């Protein structure tokens, strides 16, 4: 008696089946950044308020201080003031608000259940911030060009200027993301711009350092934003000067090292809670 061999179906225990394969870090960053950029482009409030604030301070400072600084400043005050307008446009700009929304509605926790690589959750948002920063810097430069500002360093200097502005924005945003991850509170994130005020006004944002006296003159050299503004202004008015550029980069990397360390600590705390 013969028996026909029935085909055997190989079954694996459920625990041994691979349901999802972790993708590369680059893929995960692209996915997170793609979603953040799409949301950014649907959100005009991400661009209009920073641009209006920058334009307001640019116009007011030129109108009120251009004549007063004429005896001290050697050069065009419109060119001197333009880096300050860019700083006001890009500092504190981030997708931290959307991160808080994701935390509150549970989307962030659901992401943690997937194989997504944890650094991508932050790096992707920083990628969207980079796009937003460039989108804010270019119009301010365009306004400056319209009123007669020119770069001594030419087109290459403009690209370096934009890269430095974006780097500063990313470096400072670490503080904002730290607040978002630590608190999950939209009010705290919205009010975090106040962190920038000491940087903004205790520096050479409005007048040259030579025109300052007293305690303000003593404080300004300790503000890293002073050296960032000097680097920007050297690209516009002085040409390729290595020392101010190196000091500006040191200010960016110094603030970035502090802010990102705090941000990563907040991220680790959030992941433990998740």
C-alpha atoms as a PDB file:
ATOM      1  CA  UNK A   1       0.000   0.000   0.000  1.00  0.00           C
ATOM      2  CA  UNK A   2       1.403   3.250  -0.993  1.00  0.00           C
ATOM      3  CA  UNK A   3       0.681   6.556   0.493  1.00  0.00           C
ATOM      4  CA  UNK A   4       0.974   9.771  -1.414  1.00  0.00           C
ATOM      5  CA  UNK A   5       3.222  12.288   0.228  1.00  0.00           C
ATOM      6  CA  UNK A   6       1.273  15.325   1.164  1.00  0.00           C
ATOM      7  CA  UNK A   7       3.087  18.639   0.767  1.00  0.00           C
ATOM      8  CA  UNK A   8       4.270  19.883   4.063  1.00  0.00           C
ATOM      9  CA  UNK A   9       3.721  23.480   5.003  1.00  0.00           C
ATOM     10  CA  UNK A  10       6.565  24.808   7.044  1.00  0.00           C
ATOM     11  CA  UNK A  11       5.313  26.949   9.840  1.00  0.00           C
ATOM     12  CA  UNK A  12       7.459  28.997  12.142  1.00  0.00           C
ATOM     13  CA  UNK A  13       6.578  29.992  15.649  1.00  0.00           C
ATOM     14  CA  UNK A  14       5.060  33.443  15.784  1.00  0.00           C
ATOM     15  CA  UNK A  15       7.914  34.688  17.944  1.00  0.00           C
ATOM     16  CA  UNK A  16      10.442  33.822  15.234  1.00  0.00           C
ATOM     17  CA  UNK A  17       8.687  35.693  12.434  1.00  0.00           C
ATOM     18  CA  UNK A  18      10.131  39.017  11.452  1.00  0.00           C
ATOM     19  CA  UNK A  19       7.280  41.470  11.226  1.00  0.00           C
ATOM     20  CA  UNK A  20       9.296  44.607  10.540  1.00  0.00           C
ATOM     21  CA  UNK A  21      12.883  45.258   9.651  1.00  0.00           C
ATOM     22  CA  UNK A  22      14.580  48.350  11.046  1.00  0.00           C
ATOM     23  CA  UNK A  23      15.527  50.630   8.187  1.00  0.00           C
ATOM     24  CA  UNK A  24      18.651  52.738   7.937  1.00  0.00           C
ATOM     25  CA  UNK A  25      19.081  55.945   9.906  1.00  0.00           C
ATOM     26  CA  UNK A  26      19.088  57.949   6.676  1.00  0.00           C
ATOM     27  CA  UNK A  27      15.741  56.452   5.633  1.00  0.00           C
ATOM     28  CA  UNK A  28      14.211  57.173   9.028  1.00  0.00           C
ATOM     29  CA  UNK A  29      15.478  60.758   9.019  1.00  0.00           C
ATOM     30  CA  UNK A  30      14.059  61.287   5.529  1.00  0.00           C
ATOM     31  CA  UNK A  31      10.689  59.922   6.618  1.00  0.00           C
ATOM     32  CA  UNK A  32      10.448  62.112   9.715  1.00  0.00           C
ATOM     33  CA  UNK A  33      11.781  65.158   7.875  1.00  0.00           C
ATOM     34  CA  UNK A  34       9.408  64.598   4.952  1.00  0.00           C
ATOM     35  CA  UNK A  35       6.375  64.623   7.226  1.00  0.00           C
ATOM     36  CA  UNK A  36       7.646  67.701   9.099  1.00  0.00           C
ATOM     37  CA  UNK A  37       8.355  69.606   5.876  1.00  0.00           C
ATOM     38  CA  UNK A  38       4.895  68.812   4.494  1.00  0.00           C
ATOM     39  CA  UNK A  39       3.321  70.145   7.678  1.00  0.00           C
ATOM     40  CA  UNK A  40       5.608  73.167   7.525  1.00  0.00           C
ATOM     41  CA  UNK A  41       4.544  74.068   4.000  1.00  0.00           C
ATOM     42  CA  UNK A  42       0.897  73.862   5.058  1.00  0.00           C
ATOM     43  CA  UNK A  43       1.536  76.273   7.920  1.00  0.00           C
ATOM     44  CA  UNK A  44       1.956  79.924   6.784  1.00  0.00           C
ATOM     45  CA  UNK A  45       2.303  80.972  10.423  1.00  0.00           C
ATOM     46  CA  UNK A  46       5.706  79.310  10.396  1.00  0.00           C
ATOM     47  CA  UNK A  47       6.964  81.968   7.982  1.00  0.00           C
ATOM     48  CA  UNK A  48       4.867  85.117   8.247  1.00  0.00           C
ATOM     49  CA  UNK A  49       5.343  86.150  11.933  1.00  0.00           C
ATOM     50  CA  UNK A  50       9.165  85.757  11.947  1.00  0.00           C
ATOM     51  CA  UNK A  51       9.423  87.709   8.686  1.00  0.00           C
ATOM     52  CA  UNK A  52       7.169  90.480   9.973  1.00  0.00           C
ATOM     53  CA  UNK A  53       9.153  90.742  13.209  1.00  0.00           C
ATOM     54  CA  UNK A  54      12.437  90.908  11.291  1.00  0.00           C
ATOM     55  CA  UNK A  55      11.091  93.516   8.869  1.00  0.00           C
ATOM     56  CA  UNK A  56       9.708  95.601  11.737  1.00  0.00           C
ATOM     57  CA  UNK A  57      12.977  95.749  13.669  1.00  0.00           C
ATOM     58  CA  UNK A  58      14.946  96.333  10.473  1.00  0.00           C
ATOM     59  CA  UNK A  59      12.812  99.299   9.434  1.00  0.00           C
ATOM     60  CA  UNK A  60      12.537 100.810  12.932  1.00  0.00           C
ATOM     61  CA  UNK A  61      16.248 100.552  13.731  1.00  0.00           C
ATOM     62  CA  UNK A  62      17.264 102.044  10.397  1.00  0.00           C
ATOM     63  CA  UNK A  63      14.760 104.870  10.782  1.00  0.00           C
ATOM     64  CA  UNK A  64      15.756 105.745  14.353  1.00  0.00           C
ATOM     65  CA  UNK A  65      19.459 104.940  14.631  1.00  0.00           C
ATOM     66  CA  UNK A  66      21.005 105.477  11.209  1.00  0.00           C
ATOM     67  CA  UNK A  67      21.745 109.155  11.797  1.00  0.00           C
ATOM     68  CA  UNK A  68      22.762 108.677  15.443  1.00  0.00           C
ATOM     69  CA  UNK A  69      25.364 106.036  14.598  1.00  0.00           C
ATOM     70  CA  UNK A  70      26.772 107.928  11.631  1.00  0.00           C
ATOM     71  CA  UNK A  71      29.644 109.421  13.648  1.00  0.00           C
ATOM     72  CA  UNK A  72      30.730 106.062  15.056  1.00  0.00           C
ATOM     73  CA  UNK A  73      29.985 103.521  12.354  1.00  0.00           C
ATOM     74  CA  UNK A  74      32.262 103.454   9.358  1.00  0.00           C
ATOM     75  CA  UNK A  75      30.012 102.175   6.618  1.00  0.00           C
ATOM     76  CA  UNK A  76      26.389 101.710   5.674  1.00  0.00           C
ATOM     77  CA  UNK A  77      24.043 101.270   8.646  1.00  0.00           C
ATOM     78  CA  UNK A  78      21.591  99.312   6.486  1.00  0.00           C
ATOM     79  CA  UNK A  79      24.314  96.720   5.906  1.00  0.00           C
ATOM     80  CA  UNK A  80      25.259  96.825   9.600  1.00  0.00           C
ATOM     81  CA  UNK A  81      21.666  96.185  10.664  1.00  0.00           C
ATOM     82  CA  UNK A  82      20.808  93.424   8.175  1.00  0.00           C
ATOM     83  CA  UNK A  83      22.414  90.542  10.163  1.00  0.00           C
ATOM     84  CA  UNK A  84      20.348  91.565  13.192  1.00  0.00           C
ATOM     85  CA  UNK A  85      17.185  91.310  11.090  1.00  0.00           C
ATOM     86  CA  UNK A  86      18.188  87.809  10.000  1.00  0.00           C
ATOM     87  CA  UNK A  87      18.899  86.786  13.590  1.00  0.00           C
ATOM     88  CA  UNK A  88      15.470  87.982  14.681  1.00  0.00           C
ATOM     89  CA  UNK A  89      13.891  86.045  11.807  1.00  0.00           C
ATOM     90  CA  UNK A  90      15.523  82.666  12.453  1.00  0.00           C
ATOM     91  CA  UNK A  91      16.282  82.425  16.178  1.00  0.00           C
ATOM     92  CA  UNK A  92      13.828  80.267  18.078  1.00  0.00           C
ATOM     93  CA  UNK A  93      12.220  79.001  14.867  1.00  0.00           C
ATOM     94  CA  UNK A  94      11.647  75.247  15.071  1.00  0.00           C
ATOM     95  CA  UNK A  95       9.103  72.451  14.756  1.00  0.00           C
ATOM     96  CA  UNK A  96       9.055  72.032  18.528  1.00  0.00           C
ATOM     97  CA  UNK A  97       5.412  73.088  18.570  1.00  0.00           C
ATOM     98  CA  UNK A  98       4.468  70.210  16.282  1.00  0.00           C
ATOM     99  CA  UNK A  99       6.554  67.875  18.443  1.00  0.00           C
ATOM    100  CA  UNK A 100       4.480  68.888  21.472  1.00  0.00           C
ATOM    101  CA  UNK A 101       1.312  68.192  19.480  1.00  0.00           C
ATOM    102  CA  UNK A 102       2.629  64.726  18.625  1.00  0.00           C
ATOM    103  CA  UNK A 103       3.417  64.100  22.300  1.00  0.00           C
ATOM    104  CA  UNK A 104      -0.022  65.219  23.443  1.00  0.00           C
ATOM    105  CA  UNK A 105      -2.044  63.244  20.898  1.00  0.00           C
ATOM    106  CA  UNK A 106       0.011  60.075  21.393  1.00  0.00           C
ATOM    107  CA  UNK A 107       1.631  60.002  17.947  1.00  0.00           C
ATOM    108  CA  UNK A 108       5.119  60.282  19.459  1.00  0.00           C
ATOM    109  CA  UNK A 109       4.483  57.273  21.715  1.00  0.00           C
ATOM    110  CA  UNK A 110       3.171  55.284  18.764  1.00  0.00           C
ATOM    111  CA  UNK A 111       6.359  56.078  16.880  1.00  0.00           C
ATOM    112  CA  UNK A 112       8.322  54.600  19.776  1.00  0.00           C
ATOM    113  CA  UNK A 113       6.534  51.277  19.188  1.00  0.00           C
ATOM    114  CA  UNK A 114       7.955  51.114  15.659  1.00  0.00           C
ATOM    115  CA  UNK A 115      11.519  50.151  14.690  1.00  0.00           C
ATOM    116  CA  UNK A 116      12.324  53.800  13.856  1.00  0.00           C
ATOM    117  CA  UNK A 117      15.776  54.777  15.052  1.00  0.00           C
ATOM    118  CA  UNK A 118      15.485  57.162  17.973  1.00  0.00           C
ATOM    119  CA  UNK A 119      17.984  59.817  16.747  1.00  0.00           C
ATOM    120  CA  UNK A 120      15.868  60.200  13.594  1.00  0.00           C
ATOM    121  CA  UNK A 121      12.972  61.557  15.664  1.00  0.00           C
ATOM    122  CA  UNK A 122      15.042  64.660  16.385  1.00  0.00           C
ATOM    123  CA  UNK A 123      17.230  64.794  13.282  1.00  0.00           C
ATOM    124  CA  UNK A 124      14.200  64.740  10.997  1.00  0.00           C
ATOM    125  CA  UNK A 125      12.700  67.765  12.742  1.00  0.00           C
ATOM    126  CA  UNK A 126      16.023  69.582  12.529  1.00  0.00           C
ATOM    127  CA  UNK A 127      16.005  68.901   8.788  1.00  0.00           C
ATOM    128  CA  UNK A 128      12.649  70.670   8.520  1.00  0.00           C
ATOM    129  CA  UNK A 129      14.064  73.519  10.621  1.00  0.00           C
ATOM    130  CA  UNK A 130      16.886  73.842   8.115  1.00  0.00           C
ATOM    131  CA  UNK A 131      14.388  74.285   5.283  1.00  0.00           C
ATOM    132  CA  UNK A 132      12.424  76.826   7.300  1.00  0.00           C
ATOM    133  CA  UNK A 133      15.515  78.817   8.232  1.00  0.00           C
ATOM    134  CA  UNK A 134      16.687  79.083   4.638  1.00  0.00           C
ATOM    135  CA  UNK A 135      13.173  80.106   3.639  1.00  0.00           C
ATOM    136  CA  UNK A 136      13.294  82.936   6.188  1.00  0.00           C
ATOM    137  CA  UNK A 137      16.837  84.128   5.495  1.00  0.00           C
ATOM    138  CA  UNK A 138      16.517  84.566   1.737  1.00  0.00           C
ATOM    139  CA  UNK A 139      13.639  87.115   1.854  1.00  0.00           C
ATOM    140  CA  UNK A 140      15.489  89.254   4.414  1.00  0.00           C
ATOM    141  CA  UNK A 141      18.565  89.287   2.184  1.00  0.00           C
ATOM    142  CA  UNK A 142      16.283  90.176  -0.733  1.00  0.00           C
ATOM    143  CA  UNK A 143      14.900  93.182   1.162  1.00  0.00           C
ATOM    144  CA  UNK A 144      18.423  94.285   2.030  1.00  0.00           C
ATOM    145  CA  UNK A 145      19.441  94.044  -1.630  1.00  0.00           C
ATOM    146  CA  UNK A 146      16.379  96.101  -2.594  1.00  0.00           C
ATOM    147  CA  UNK A 147      17.549  98.985  -0.379  1.00  0.00           C
ATOM    148  CA  UNK A 148      21.127  98.888  -1.630  1.00  0.00           C
ATOM    149  CA  UNK A 149      23.045  96.411   0.561  1.00  0.00           C
ATOM    150  CA  UNK A 150      25.751  94.449  -1.254  1.00  0.00           C
ATOM    151  CA  UNK A 151      28.115  91.665  -0.178  1.00  0.00           C
ATOM    152  CA  UNK A 152      31.841  92.354  -0.462  1.00  0.00           C
ATOM    153  CA  UNK A 153      32.322  88.585  -0.619  1.00  0.00           C
ATOM    154  CA  UNK A 154      29.989  88.187  -3.612  1.00  0.00           C
ATOM    155  CA  UNK A 155      27.724  85.238  -4.288  1.00  0.00           C
ATOM    156  CA  UNK A 156      29.915  82.840  -2.303  1.00  0.00           C
ATOM    157  CA  UNK A 157      29.577  85.114   0.702  1.00  0.00           C
ATOM    158  CA  UNK A 158      25.789  84.989   0.439  1.00  0.00           C
ATOM    159  CA  UNK A 159      25.843  81.194   0.564  1.00  0.00           C
ATOM    160  CA  UNK A 160      28.171  81.235   3.570  1.00  0.00           C
ATOM    161  CA  UNK A 161      25.915  83.804   5.243  1.00  0.00           C
ATOM    162  CA  UNK A 162      22.835  81.598   4.742  1.00  0.00           C
ATOM    163  CA  UNK A 163      24.720  78.526   5.995  1.00  0.00           C
ATOM    164  CA  UNK A 164      25.828  80.362   9.130  1.00  0.00           C
ATOM    165  CA  UNK A 165      22.305  81.659   9.781  1.00  0.00           C
ATOM    166  CA  UNK A 166      20.903  78.140   9.436  1.00  0.00           C
ATOM    167  CA  UNK A 167      23.615  76.722  11.702  1.00  0.00           C
ATOM    168  CA  UNK A 168      22.862  79.311  14.379  1.00  0.00           C
ATOM    169  CA  UNK A 169      19.126  78.589  14.187  1.00  0.00           C
ATOM    170  CA  UNK A 170      19.726  74.840  14.555  1.00  0.00           C
ATOM    171  CA  UNK A 171      22.140  75.395  17.437  1.00  0.00           C
ATOM    172  CA  UNK A 172      19.688  77.587  19.354  1.00  0.00           C
ATOM    173  CA  UNK A 173      16.708  75.317  18.634  1.00  0.00           C
ATOM    174  CA  UNK A 174      18.205  72.684  20.910  1.00  0.00           C
ATOM    175  CA  UNK A 175      16.957  74.719  23.874  1.00  0.00           C
ATOM    176  CA  UNK A 176      13.433  74.844  22.408  1.00  0.00           C
ATOM    177  CA  UNK A 177      13.325  71.099  21.734  1.00  0.00           C
ATOM    178  CA  UNK A 178      14.590  70.423  25.247  1.00  0.00           C
ATOM    179  CA  UNK A 179      11.645  72.381  26.659  1.00  0.00           C
ATOM    180  CA  UNK A 180       9.224  70.558  24.340  1.00  0.00           C
ATOM    181  CA  UNK A 181      10.542  67.110  25.292  1.00  0.00           C
ATOM    182  CA  UNK A 182      10.787  67.867  28.989  1.00  0.00           C
ATOM    183  CA  UNK A 183       7.390  69.502  29.464  1.00  0.00           C
ATOM    184  CA  UNK A 184       5.204  68.447  26.535  1.00  0.00           C
ATOM    185  CA  UNK A 185       3.561  71.820  27.121  1.00  0.00           C
ATOM    186  CA  UNK A 186       2.708  74.100  24.161  1.00  0.00           C
ATOM    187  CA  UNK A 187       2.607  77.193  26.382  1.00  0.00           C
ATOM    188  CA  UNK A 188       6.142  76.572  27.619  1.00  0.00           C
ATOM    189  CA  UNK A 189       7.359  76.151  24.044  1.00  0.00           C
ATOM    190  CA  UNK A 190       5.555  79.281  22.854  1.00  0.00           C
ATOM    191  CA  UNK A 191       7.141  81.342  25.636  1.00  0.00           C
ATOM    192  CA  UNK A 192      10.629  79.923  25.127  1.00  0.00           C
ATOM    193  CA  UNK A 193      11.476  82.789  22.744  1.00  0.00           C
ATOM    194  CA  UNK A 194      12.155  84.832  25.882  1.00  0.00           C
ATOM    195  CA  UNK A 195      15.420  82.883  26.194  1.00  0.00           C
ATOM    196  CA  UNK A 196      16.656  84.829  23.177  1.00  0.00           C
ATOM    197  CA  UNK A 197      16.058  88.322  24.544  1.00  0.00           C
ATOM    198  CA  UNK A 198      19.281  88.585  26.587  1.00  0.00           C
ATOM    199  CA  UNK A 199      21.198  87.419  23.519  1.00  0.00           C
ATOM    200  CA  UNK A 200      19.364  89.866  21.264  1.00  0.00           C
ATOM    201  CA  UNK A 201      19.710  93.128  23.143  1.00  0.00           C
ATOM    202  CA  UNK A 202      22.878  92.710  25.220  1.00  0.00           C
ATOM    203  CA  UNK A 203      24.969  92.744  22.084  1.00  0.00           C
ATOM    204  CA  UNK A 204      25.759  94.813  18.998  1.00  0.00           C
ATOM    205  CA  UNK A 205      22.383  94.173  17.374  1.00  0.00           C
ATOM    206  CA  UNK A 206      21.536  97.879  17.121  1.00  0.00           C
ATOM    207  CA  UNK A 207      24.705  99.924  17.604  1.00  0.00           C
ATOM    208  CA  UNK A 208      28.446  99.302  17.216  1.00  0.00           C
ATOM    209  CA  UNK A 209      30.403  98.187  20.259  1.00  0.00           C
ATOM    210  CA  UNK A 210      32.417 101.410  20.107  1.00  0.00           C
ATOM    211  CA  UNK A 211      29.270 103.415  20.889  1.00  0.00           C
ATOM    212  CA  UNK A 212      28.534 101.507  24.123  1.00  0.00           C
ATOM    213  CA  UNK A 213      29.570 102.584  27.597  1.00  0.00           C
ATOM    214  CA  UNK A 214      29.244 101.416  31.187  1.00  0.00           C
ATOM    215  CA  UNK A 215      27.951  97.994  32.134  1.00  0.00           C
ATOM    216  CA  UNK A 216      26.620  97.298  28.628  1.00  0.00           C
ATOM    217  CA  UNK A 217      30.083  97.695  27.122  1.00  0.00           C
ATOM    218  CA  UNK A 218      31.371  95.246  29.735  1.00  0.00           C
ATOM    219  CA  UNK A 219      28.674  92.624  29.043  1.00  0.00           C
ATOM    220  CA  UNK A 220      28.749  92.651  25.237  1.00  0.00           C
ATOM    221  CA  UNK A 221      32.093  90.798  24.828  1.00  0.00           C
ATOM    222  CA  UNK A 222      30.671  87.871  26.837  1.00  0.00           C
ATOM    223  CA  UNK A 223      27.685  87.429  24.549  1.00  0.00           C
ATOM    224  CA  UNK A 224      28.334  84.842  21.798  1.00  0.00           C
ATOM    225  CA  UNK A 225      25.867  86.644  19.555  1.00  0.00           C
ATOM    226  CA  UNK A 226      28.318  89.556  19.383  1.00  0.00           C
ATOM    227  CA  UNK A 227      30.812  87.382  17.525  1.00  0.00           C
ATOM    228  CA  UNK A 228      28.146  85.848  15.302  1.00  0.00           C
ATOM    229  CA  UNK A 229      27.005  89.307  14.205  1.00  0.00           C
ATOM    230  CA  UNK A 230      30.607  90.362  13.629  1.00  0.00           C
ATOM    231  CA  UNK A 231      31.120  87.345  11.369  1.00  0.00           C
ATOM    232  CA  UNK A 232      27.994  88.154   9.386  1.00  0.00           C
ATOM    233  CA  UNK A 233      29.012  91.777   8.997  1.00  0.00           C
ATOM    234  CA  UNK A 234      32.485  90.861   7.849  1.00  0.00           C
ATOM    235  CA  UNK A 235      30.970  88.924   4.942  1.00  0.00           C
ATOM    236  CA  UNK A 236      28.937  91.961   3.936  1.00  0.00           C
ATOM    237  CA  UNK A 237      31.297  94.873   4.491  1.00  0.00           C
ATOM    238  CA  UNK A 238      34.868  93.628   4.921  1.00  0.00           C
ATOM    239  CA  UNK A 239      35.410  90.678   2.596  1.00  0.00           C
ATOM    240  CA  UNK A 240      36.910  87.329   3.508  1.00  0.00           C
ATOM    241  CA  UNK A 241      38.267  87.975   7.015  1.00  0.00           C
ATOM    242  CA  UNK A 242      39.259  84.722   8.721  1.00  0.00           C
ATOM    243  CA  UNK A 243      39.297  85.829  12.383  1.00  0.00           C
ATOM    244  CA  UNK A 244      35.691  87.121  12.660  1.00  0.00           C
ATOM    245  CA  UNK A 245      34.430  84.088  10.751  1.00  0.00           C
ATOM    246  CA  UNK A 246      36.238  81.672  13.048  1.00  0.00           C
ATOM    247  CA  UNK A 247      34.892  83.479  16.121  1.00  0.00           C
ATOM    248  CA  UNK A 248      31.382  83.316  14.672  1.00  0.00           C
ATOM    249  CA  UNK A 249      31.709  79.567  14.066  1.00  0.00           C
ATOM    250  CA  UNK A 250      33.048  79.089  17.591  1.00  0.00           C
ATOM    251  CA  UNK A 251      29.986  80.908  18.958  1.00  0.00           C
ATOM    252  CA  UNK A 252      27.661  78.696  16.915  1.00  0.00           C
ATOM    253  CA  UNK A 253      29.341  75.450  17.919  1.00  0.00           C
ATOM    254  CA  UNK A 254      29.603  76.528  21.560  1.00  0.00           C
ATOM    255  CA  UNK A 255      25.901  77.292  21.870  1.00  0.00           C
ATOM    256  CA  UNK A 256      25.072  74.189  19.844  1.00  0.00           C
ATOM    257  CA  UNK A 257      27.117  71.932  22.122  1.00  0.00           C
ATOM    258  CA  UNK A 258      25.287  73.238  25.190  1.00  0.00           C
ATOM    259  CA  UNK A 259      21.798  73.225  23.707  1.00  0.00           C
ATOM    260  CA  UNK A 260      22.057  69.815  22.075  1.00  0.00           C
ATOM    261  CA  UNK A 261      23.451  68.256  25.249  1.00  0.00           C
ATOM    262  CA  UNK A 262      20.413  69.534  27.150  1.00  0.00           C
ATOM    263  CA  UNK A 263      18.134  68.427  24.312  1.00  0.00           C
ATOM    264  CA  UNK A 264      19.533  64.888  24.213  1.00  0.00           C
ATOM    265  CA  UNK A 265      19.178  64.601  27.981  1.00  0.00           C
ATOM    266  CA  UNK A 266      15.525  65.629  27.649  1.00  0.00           C
ATOM    267  CA  UNK A 267      15.081  63.102  24.831  1.00  0.00           C
ATOM    268  CA  UNK A 268      16.484  60.301  26.986  1.00  0.00           C
ATOM    269  CA  UNK A 269      14.093  61.287  29.758  1.00  0.00           C
ATOM    270  CA  UNK A 270      11.130  61.275  27.361  1.00  0.00           C
ATOM    271  CA  UNK A 271      12.108  57.846  25.976  1.00  0.00           C
ATOM    272  CA  UNK A 272      12.283  56.380  29.486  1.00  0.00           C
ATOM    273  CA  UNK A 273       8.798  57.692  30.198  1.00  0.00           C
ATOM    274  CA  UNK A 274       7.566  56.216  26.911  1.00  0.00           C
END
